Amino acid sequence: MEKRLRKLTVSPIFGSKMSNTGDAEVEIRARLAKASQAFASLRSTWKAKNISQKIKLRIFKSNVISTLLYGSESWKMTKTISNKLDVFHNRCLRRILNIFWPNTITNEELHRRSETESITTQVQRRRWRWIGHVLRQQTADLSRVALRWTPDGRRKRGRPKETWRRTVEREMKGKGWTWGHLERVSADRHRWRTLVEALCAT
């Protein structure tokens, strides 16, 4: 008996939501919702006078940021997505640091006081750490093969859509890196960490 397979637009895979178009929007909306719930559940912690700001920020990182950035190594980043993530992150930090209108400060000062980086930078760092891990795998490893695989066929007309691969290659081009260079550097974990730090510092 012949069975028809149901076509899914979004599939839950290992705790993440995978779109059949490769779009990260659905997954990021889900991550933001889960992180918002995690932040709200700790409301009494953020208000507590007997808990230091430093401890609160550690709790925020381990409970909220870890929830938000789960699986972010594979996200396709756009300006819209970056803005959504940064707005949520900065709003949470202002609540923890008790910075409300009219006592406003710049995002740069907010990150300095909280000793943290923007979410966009944190996603970038995670992505490149993962790339280093993949490049250290055996040549025949599927994740390594997929990293540099280019599909056959002609590209459609018009402006190309932003993809995870294009994000990576744009960052590579900005630094003058090639895949061959990255493969050589990845063999040395210390050199790779230095490379990632240099990229995320710009």
Foldseek 3Di string as FASTA:
>chain_A
DDDDDDDDQWDQDPNAIAGPVRACVVRLVVLLVQLVVQLVVCVVVLVDPPDDLLVVLVCSCVGRVCSNCVVLLFHQDDPVSLVVQQVSVLVSLCSSVVQDPPRDDDVVVSCVVSVHDGVVLVSLLSNLVVVLVLLPDDCPDPVVCVLPDDDDDDDDDDDDDGHPNNVVVVLCVVVVHDPVNSSVQSVDVVSSVVVSVVSSVD
